[in-house]
Amino acid sequence: MTVSKKITLGGILSATVLILLYLASTLPTSRLFLLALCSFAVSAVIIETGVKNGIIFYLATSILAFLLVPGKSMAALYILFFGIYGIAKAIIEKHGIGILQYIIKLVIFNLSFLMIYLASGIIIDISALELKVPFPAWVIVAGLQFAFLFYDYVFTIVITFYYDHIHHDRR
């Protein structure tokens, strides 16, 4: 892929990510779906141009999201998990082996979730003790693990589809 095509792809997908994040911050529903689409864009950049350009894309869209997206919580979710997960997934699946991949992915998810949890406490100034939830914490954490594994499974399906039907090897 020529340099101009890489720049064009990065620009178009950056604009797409920012539009999706803007919609996620303004629409009352479908926020997680829109955030997931943003993470697929990061993976598309990695597939087409490599991990290095994927990292640059993630950093650029993270800065722009923080500056331009009105809902800072959606920008924070993109920056702390959805944007960076495409990079982490590419690296883990390239070098990981079997069950170890899932363990590493779960560790990354839980660290991201912890950062999001701590950041939300700082941003909205609510202590965890003030929150009233109808389930014990272990049920919520276990549910999040299953939701993440489902997200990773769907992510793999989307990447496989992209690789098989959209990406063309340009060697």
Protein backbone atom coordinates (compact mmCIF):
# COMPACT_ATOMS: atom_id res chain seq x y z
CA MET A 1 0.00 0.00 0.00
CA THR A 2 1.43 3.37 -0.97
CA VAL A 3 2.02 6.06 1.62
CA SER A 4 -0.78 8.21 0.20
CA LYS A 5 -3.24 5.31 0.43
CA LYS A 6 -2.19 4.68 4.05
CA ILE A 7 -2.74 8.35 4.91
CA THR A 8 -6.09 8.36 3.13
CA LEU A 9 -7.23 5.22 4.92
CA GLY A 10 -6.11 6.64 8.26
CA GLY A 11 -7.93 9.91 7.63
CA ILE A 12 -11.18 8.29 6.54
CA LEU A 13 -11.18 5.83 9.44
CA SER A 14 -10.22 8.59 11.91
CA ALA A 15 -13.21 10.63 10.78
CA THR A 16 -15.39 7.53 11.05
CA VAL A 17 -14.20 6.84 14.60
CA LEU A 18 -14.86 10.44 15.65
CA ILE A 19 -18.36 10.37 14.13
CA LEU A 20 -19.10 7.08 15.90
CA LEU A 21 -17.82 8.45 19.21
CA TYR A 22 -19.88 11.61 18.75
CA LEU A 23 -22.97 9.49 18.11
CA ALA A 24 -22.18 7.32 21.13
CA SER A 25 -21.97 10.41 23.31
CA THR A 26 -25.22 11.93 22.04
CA LEU A 27 -27.53 8.98 21.34
CA PRO A 28 -29.40 7.41 24.26
CA THR A 29 -28.83 3.81 23.06
CA SER A 30 -26.35 1.63 21.15
CA ARG A 31 -23.32 3.13 22.84
CA LEU A 32 -21.42 -0.12 23.33
CA PHE A 33 -22.14 -1.14 19.74
CA LEU A 34 -20.75 2.16 18.44
CA LEU A 35 -17.67 1.82 20.66
CA ALA A 36 -17.12 -1.71 19.33
CA LEU A 37 -17.25 -0.37 15.77
CA CYS A 38 -14.49 2.06 16.73
CA SER A 39 -12.31 -0.82 17.87
CA PHE A 40 -12.90 -2.60 14.55
CA ALA A 41 -11.58 0.50 12.76
CA VAL A 42 -8.32 0.23 14.70
CA SER A 43 -8.02 -3.39 13.60
CA ALA A 44 -8.68 -2.46 9.97
CA VAL A 45 -5.77 -0.02 10.10
CA ILE A 46 -3.55 -2.72 11.63
CA ILE A 47 -4.52 -5.26 8.95
CA GLU A 48 -3.93 -2.83 6.11
CA THR A 49 -0.85 -0.93 7.35
CA GLY A 50 0.66 -2.77 10.33
CA VAL A 51 0.75 -2.50 14.11
CA LYS A 52 2.98 0.60 14.15
CA ASN A 53 0.49 2.58 12.08
CA GLY A 54 -2.34 1.13 14.16
CA ILE A 55 -0.72 2.57 17.29
CA ILE A 56 -0.30 5.96 15.61
CA PHE A 57 -3.95 5.80 14.49
CA TYR A 58 -5.08 4.95 18.03
CA LEU A 59 -3.04 7.79 19.55
CA ALA A 60 -4.31 10.32 16.99
CA THR A 61 -7.95 9.31 17.38
CA SER A 62 -7.61 9.26 21.17
CA ILE A 63 -6.31 12.84 21.24
CA LEU A 64 -8.97 14.00 18.79
CA ALA A 65 -11.70 12.17 20.73
CA PHE A 66 -10.64 13.83 23.96
CA LEU A 67 -10.62 17.25 22.29
CA LEU A 68 -13.71 16.99 20.06
CA VAL A 69 -16.20 14.49 21.46
CA PRO A 70 -18.69 16.18 23.81
CA GLY A 71 -19.26 13.11 25.99
CA LYS A 72 -15.90 12.62 27.70
CA SER A 73 -17.08 9.32 29.15
CA MET A 74 -17.33 7.83 25.63
CA ALA A 75 -13.91 9.23 24.76
CA ALA A 76 -12.54 7.72 27.99
CA LEU A 77 -14.02 4.30 27.18
CA TYR A 78 -12.43 4.45 23.73
CA ILE A 79 -9.07 5.56 25.09
CA LEU A 80 -8.95 3.11 28.01
CA PHE A 81 -10.32 0.00 26.32
CA PHE A 82 -12.07 -0.04 22.95
CA GLY A 83 -9.37 1.76 21.00
CA ILE A 84 -6.40 -0.01 22.47
CA TYR A 85 -7.93 -3.48 22.47
CA GLY A 86 -7.56 -3.90 18.70
CA ILE A 87 -3.81 -3.35 19.08
CA ALA A 88 -3.55 -5.68 22.06
CA LYS A 89 -5.57 -8.39 20.27
CA ALA A 90 -3.34 -8.21 17.18
CA ILE A 91 -0.16 -8.54 19.23
CA ILE A 92 -1.50 -11.27 21.52
CA GLU A 93 -2.87 -13.39 18.69
CA LYS A 94 0.31 -13.05 16.68
CA HIS A 95 2.55 -14.21 19.53
CA GLY A 96 0.25 -15.99 21.99
CA ILE A 97 -0.50 -19.67 22.29
CA GLY A 98 -3.98 -21.16 22.90
CA ILE A 99 -5.40 -20.68 26.37
CA LEU A 100 -2.59 -18.28 27.28
CA GLN A 101 -4.06 -15.81 24.76
CA TYR A 102 -7.36 -15.77 26.64
CA ILE A 103 -5.65 -15.37 29.99
CA ILE A 104 -3.66 -12.39 28.72
CA LYS A 105 -6.75 -10.88 27.09
CA LEU A 106 -8.72 -11.25 30.34
CA VAL A 107 -5.90 -9.62 32.30
CA ILE A 108 -5.86 -6.70 29.85
CA PHE A 109 -9.64 -6.39 30.04
CA ASN A 110 -9.64 -6.41 33.83
CA LEU A 111 -6.83 -3.84 34.03
CA SER A 112 -8.73 -1.65 31.55
CA PHE A 113 -11.93 -2.11 33.53
CA LEU A 114 -10.11 -1.17 36.74
CA MET A 115 -8.74 2.00 35.10
CA ILE A 116 -12.23 2.86 33.80
CA TYR A 117 -13.70 2.24 37.25
CA LEU A 118 -11.10 4.42 38.95
CA ALA A 119 -11.39 7.13 36.30
CA SER A 120 -15.18 7.19 36.61
CA GLY A 121 -14.84 7.72 40.34
CA ILE A 122 -12.59 10.69 39.70
CA ILE A 123 -14.67 12.12 36.84
CA ILE A 124 -18.11 11.90 38.46
CA ASP A 125 -16.90 11.90 42.08
CA ILE A 126 -18.97 8.97 43.29
CA SER A 127 -17.56 6.46 45.65
CA ALA A 128 -18.25 2.77 44.99
CA LEU A 129 -19.92 2.56 48.38
CA GLU A 130 -22.58 5.07 47.31
CA LEU A 131 -23.70 2.96 44.35
CA LYS A 132 -26.72 0.74 44.89
CA VAL A 133 -26.66 -2.30 42.63
CA PRO A 134 -29.14 -5.19 42.77
CA PHE A 135 -26.44 -7.87 42.44
CA PRO A 136 -23.36 -8.78 44.44
CA ALA A 137 -20.08 -7.46 43.01
CA TRP A 138 -18.86 -10.96 42.10
CA VAL A 139 -21.92 -11.51 39.88
CA ILE A 140 -21.26 -8.25 38.03
CA VAL A 141 -17.55 -9.03 37.60
CA ALA A 142 -18.30 -12.58 36.38
CA GLY A 143 -20.90 -11.22 33.96
CA LEU A 144 -18.37 -8.72 32.62
CA GLN A 145 -15.90 -11.56 31.99
CA PHE A 146 -18.46 -13.45 29.92
CA ALA A 147 -19.49 -10.28 28.09
CA PHE A 148 -15.83 -9.59 27.26
CA LEU A 149 -15.28 -13.13 25.96
CA PHE A 150 -18.37 -12.75 23.76
CA TYR A 151 -17.05 -9.39 22.52
CA ASP A 152 -13.68 -10.99 21.72
CA TYR A 153 -15.43 -13.82 19.85
CA VAL A 154 -17.49 -11.38 17.76
CA PHE A 155 -14.36 -9.27 17.21
CA THR A 156 -12.61 -12.35 15.79
CA ILE A 157 -15.55 -13.03 13.45
CA VAL A 158 -15.49 -9.42 12.19
CA ILE A 159 -11.72 -9.48 11.65
CA THR A 160 -11.95 -12.82 9.82
CA PHE A 161 -14.72 -11.46 7.59
CA TYR A 162 -12.68 -8.32 6.89
CA TYR A 163 -9.59 -10.38 6.09
CA ASP A 164 -11.45 -12.81 3.83
CA HIS A 165 -13.77 -10.42 1.97
CA ILE A 166 -12.41 -6.88 2.12
CA HIS A 167 -8.63 -7.00 2.57
CA HIS A 168 -6.60 -7.82 -0.47
CA ASP A 169 -3.01 -8.88 -0.02
CA ARG A 170 -0.92 -6.19 -1.68
CA ARG A 171 2.45 -7.92 -1.83
